[in-house]
Amino acid sequence: MPDFAIHAAEIADIHFVGGFARARSLAVGEVLLDLAGAEALAEAEAGIVAHMNRDHAEAVGLYAARLLGQKPGSWRLTGLDPEGCDLRAENRTARLDFGRRIAGPAEARDVLAALAKKARGQ
């Protein structure tokens, strides 16, 4: 198709404008996540998210309420990466940092189980 093109860009710098008097420069590493070495986790992400939402919905809700101070709701995991996971309830979102970088599904299971224990106060 003559009106179709593919372009690639490399990000060199980021200037974030967050509102009046809230602009600042950010390093690329502060914005883009390095997924090198986490290919197995990326491949397993959809399955982990589905499993957590299906079999551990209570734990996901506790992550939001007790670890992140969010209001209770129908919290669900929406994504997972080496540094944390994203949650959503209705029109609210939250980010749960793992506190360490993980690379694979076994580490994801371990960190998610540890966070559930922490949220339960165990």
C-alpha atoms as a PDB file:
ATOM      1  CA  MET A   1       0.000   0.000   0.000  1.00  0.00           C
ATOM      2  CA  PRO A   2       1.534   3.319  -0.996  1.00  0.00           C
ATOM      3  CA  ASP A   3       0.262   5.216   2.060  1.00  0.00           C
ATOM      4  CA  PHE A   4       1.741   2.770   4.574  1.00  0.00           C
ATOM      5  CA  ALA A   5       5.204   3.101   6.135  1.00  0.00           C
ATOM      6  CA  ILE A   6       7.076   1.655   9.074  1.00  0.00           C
ATOM      7  CA  HIS A   7       9.264   3.957  11.135  1.00  0.00           C
ATOM      8  CA  ALA A   8      11.677   3.145  13.919  1.00  0.00           C
ATOM      9  CA  ALA A   9      12.853   5.608  16.522  1.00  0.00           C
ATOM     10  CA  GLU A  10      15.454   5.492  19.243  1.00  0.00           C
ATOM     11  CA  ILE A  11      14.677   7.526  22.338  1.00  0.00           C
ATOM     12  CA  ALA A  12      17.604   9.683  23.385  1.00  0.00           C
ATOM     13  CA  ASP A  13      15.988  11.932  25.960  1.00  0.00           C
ATOM     14  CA  ILE A  14      12.661  12.487  27.628  1.00  0.00           C
ATOM     15  CA  HIS A  15      11.174  15.771  28.741  1.00  0.00           C
ATOM     16  CA  PHE A  16       8.023  15.145  30.772  1.00  0.00           C
ATOM     17  CA  VAL A  17       5.441  17.890  31.162  1.00  0.00           C
ATOM     18  CA  GLY A  18       3.089  16.939  33.984  1.00  0.00           C
ATOM     19  CA  GLY A  19       1.179  20.175  34.247  1.00  0.00           C
ATOM     20  CA  PHE A  20       1.818  23.767  35.201  1.00  0.00           C
ATOM     21  CA  ALA A  21       5.347  24.116  36.617  1.00  0.00           C
ATOM     22  CA  ARG A  22       5.738  20.327  36.623  1.00  0.00           C
ATOM     23  CA  ALA A  23       8.125  19.731  33.739  1.00  0.00           C
ATOM     24  CA  ARG A  24      11.323  17.791  34.167  1.00  0.00           C
ATOM     25  CA  SER A  25      13.849  15.791  32.211  1.00  0.00           C
ATOM     26  CA  LEU A  26      14.041  12.049  32.719  1.00  0.00           C
ATOM     27  CA  ALA A  27      16.709   9.526  31.833  1.00  0.00           C
ATOM     28  CA  VAL A  28      15.607   6.879  29.350  1.00  0.00           C
ATOM     29  CA  GLY A  29      16.155   4.194  32.006  1.00  0.00           C
ATOM     30  CA  GLU A  30      13.599   5.888  34.264  1.00  0.00           C
ATOM     31  CA  VAL A  31      10.893   5.430  31.647  1.00  0.00           C
ATOM     32  CA  LEU A  32      11.708   2.381  29.536  1.00  0.00           C
ATOM     33  CA  LEU A  33      12.020  -1.017  31.150  1.00  0.00           C
ATOM     34  CA  ASP A  34      14.966  -3.232  30.215  1.00  0.00           C
ATOM     35  CA  LEU A  35      13.509  -6.670  29.484  1.00  0.00           C
ATOM     36  CA  ALA A  36      16.845  -8.318  28.649  1.00  0.00           C
ATOM     37  CA  GLY A  37      17.094 -11.663  30.403  1.00  0.00           C
ATOM     38  CA  ALA A  38      13.366 -11.799  31.182  1.00  0.00           C
ATOM     39  CA  GLU A  39      12.148 -13.483  28.014  1.00  0.00           C
ATOM     40  CA  ALA A  40      10.698 -16.456  29.928  1.00  0.00           C
ATOM     41  CA  LEU A  41       8.729 -14.085  32.148  1.00  0.00           C
ATOM     42  CA  ALA A  42       7.400 -12.198  29.126  1.00  0.00           C
ATOM     43  CA  GLU A  43       6.259 -15.474  27.543  1.00  0.00           C
ATOM     44  CA  ALA A  44       4.529 -16.576  30.763  1.00  0.00           C
ATOM     45  CA  GLU A  45       2.966 -13.183  31.603  1.00  0.00           C
ATOM     46  CA  ALA A  46      -0.505 -13.822  30.180  1.00  0.00           C
ATOM     47  CA  GLY A  47      -0.760 -17.158  31.985  1.00  0.00           C
ATOM     48  CA  ILE A  48       0.449 -15.726  35.299  1.00  0.00           C
ATOM     49  CA  VAL A  49      -2.006 -12.819  35.088  1.00  0.00           C
ATOM     50  CA  ALA A  50      -4.904 -15.144  34.223  1.00  0.00           C
ATOM     51  CA  HIS A  51      -3.970 -17.543  37.052  1.00  0.00           C
ATOM     52  CA  MET A  52      -3.735 -14.751  39.627  1.00  0.00           C
ATOM     53  CA  ASN A  53      -7.072 -13.257  38.596  1.00  0.00           C
ATOM     54  CA  ARG A  54      -8.816 -16.628  38.478  1.00  0.00           C
ATOM     55  CA  ASP A  55      -7.311 -18.418  41.481  1.00  0.00           C
ATOM     56  CA  HIS A  56      -5.924 -15.663  43.713  1.00  0.00           C
ATOM     57  CA  ALA A  57      -8.304 -12.719  43.317  1.00  0.00           C
ATOM     58  CA  GLU A  58      -8.378 -12.234  47.090  1.00  0.00           C
ATOM     59  CA  ALA A  59      -4.581 -11.809  47.174  1.00  0.00           C
ATOM     60  CA  VAL A  60      -4.733  -9.283  44.315  1.00  0.00           C
ATOM     61  CA  GLY A  61      -7.286  -7.271  46.286  1.00  0.00           C
ATOM     62  CA  LEU A  62      -5.042  -7.399  49.351  1.00  0.00           C
ATOM     63  CA  TYR A  63      -2.071  -6.172  47.313  1.00  0.00           C
ATOM     64  CA  ALA A  64      -4.090  -3.100  46.384  1.00  0.00           C
ATOM     65  CA  ALA A  65      -5.717  -2.414  49.752  1.00  0.00           C
ATOM     66  CA  ARG A  66      -3.056  -3.370  52.253  1.00  0.00           C
ATOM     67  CA  LEU A  67       0.204  -2.886  50.376  1.00  0.00           C
ATOM     68  CA  LEU A  68      -0.729   0.101  48.228  1.00  0.00           C
ATOM     69  CA  GLY A  69      -3.362   1.817  50.394  1.00  0.00           C
ATOM     70  CA  GLN A  70      -6.016   1.718  47.673  1.00  0.00           C
ATOM     71  CA  LYS A  71      -9.751   1.568  48.329  1.00  0.00           C
ATOM     72  CA  PRO A  72     -11.229  -1.934  48.122  1.00  0.00           C
ATOM     73  CA  GLY A  73     -12.721  -2.930  44.785  1.00  0.00           C
ATOM     74  CA  SER A  74     -12.671  -5.558  42.075  1.00  0.00           C
ATOM     75  CA  TRP A  75      -8.901  -5.428  41.678  1.00  0.00           C
ATOM     76  CA  ARG A  76      -7.319  -7.471  38.894  1.00  0.00           C
ATOM     77  CA  LEU A  77      -3.764  -7.892  37.673  1.00  0.00           C
ATOM     78  CA  THR A  78      -3.405  -6.409  34.191  1.00  0.00           C
ATOM     79  CA  GLY A  79       0.293  -6.936  33.582  1.00  0.00           C
ATOM     80  CA  LEU A  80       3.541  -8.156  35.042  1.00  0.00           C
ATOM     81  CA  ASP A  81       7.160  -7.317  34.275  1.00  0.00           C
ATOM     82  CA  PRO A  82      10.545  -7.877  35.933  1.00  0.00           C
ATOM     83  CA  GLU A  83      10.073  -4.973  38.340  1.00  0.00           C
ATOM     84  CA  GLY A  84       6.437  -5.242  39.410  1.00  0.00           C
ATOM     85  CA  CYS A  85       2.829  -5.681  38.407  1.00  0.00           C
ATOM     86  CA  ASP A  86      -0.025  -3.435  37.369  1.00  0.00           C
ATOM     87  CA  LEU A  87      -3.478  -3.602  38.947  1.00  0.00           C
ATOM     88  CA  ARG A  88      -6.820  -2.163  37.940  1.00  0.00           C
ATOM     89  CA  ALA A  89     -10.239  -1.793  39.554  1.00  0.00           C
ATOM     90  CA  GLU A  90     -12.987   0.057  37.710  1.00  0.00           C
ATOM     91  CA  ASN A  91     -11.274   3.293  36.563  1.00  0.00           C
ATOM     92  CA  ARG A  92      -8.401   3.107  39.092  1.00  0.00           C
ATOM     93  CA  THR A  93      -4.928   1.770  38.468  1.00  0.00           C
ATOM     94  CA  ALA A  94      -2.018   1.000  40.756  1.00  0.00           C
ATOM     95  CA  ARG A  95       1.531  -0.262  40.438  1.00  0.00           C
ATOM     96  CA  LEU A  96       3.038  -2.774  42.870  1.00  0.00           C
ATOM     97  CA  ASP A  97       6.831  -2.762  42.903  1.00  0.00           C
ATOM     98  CA  PHE A  98       8.442  -6.118  43.667  1.00  0.00           C
ATOM     99  CA  GLY A  99      11.382  -4.551  45.481  1.00  0.00           C
ATOM    100  CA  ARG A 100      13.776  -6.552  43.332  1.00  0.00           C
ATOM    101  CA  ARG A 101      14.101  -7.521  39.694  1.00  0.00           C
ATOM    102  CA  ILE A 102      12.831 -10.955  38.678  1.00  0.00           C
ATOM    103  CA  ALA A 103      13.502 -12.842  35.446  1.00  0.00           C
ATOM    104  CA  GLY A 104      11.250 -15.881  35.235  1.00  0.00           C
ATOM    105  CA  PRO A 105       7.941 -17.467  36.176  1.00  0.00           C
ATOM    106  CA  ALA A 106       9.319 -19.276  39.243  1.00  0.00           C
ATOM    107  CA  GLU A 107      10.581 -15.999  40.675  1.00  0.00           C
ATOM    108  CA  ALA A 108       7.218 -14.388  39.884  1.00  0.00           C
ATOM    109  CA  ARG A 109       5.434 -17.113  41.845  1.00  0.00           C
ATOM    110  CA  ASP A 110       7.806 -16.665  44.786  1.00  0.00           C
ATOM    111  CA  VAL A 111       7.530 -12.873  44.913  1.00  0.00           C
ATOM    112  CA  LEU A 112       3.730 -12.873  44.460  1.00  0.00           C
ATOM    113  CA  ALA A 113       3.348 -15.459  47.251  1.00  0.00           C
ATOM    114  CA  ALA A 114       5.641 -13.447  49.542  1.00  0.00           C
ATOM    115  CA  LEU A 115       3.649 -10.281  48.836  1.00  0.00           C
ATOM    116  CA  ALA A 116       0.381 -12.110  49.602  1.00  0.00           C
ATOM    117  CA  LYS A 117       1.822 -13.240  52.959  1.00  0.00           C
ATOM    118  CA  LYS A 118       2.926  -9.691  53.699  1.00  0.00           C
ATOM    119  CA  ALA A 119      -0.512  -8.329  52.780  1.00  0.00           C
ATOM    120  CA  ARG A 120      -2.141 -10.868  55.109  1.00  0.00           C
ATOM    121  CA  GLY A 121       0.195  -9.795  57.922  1.00  0.00           C
ATOM    122  CA  GLN A 122       1.905 -13.169  58.165  1.00  0.00           C
END
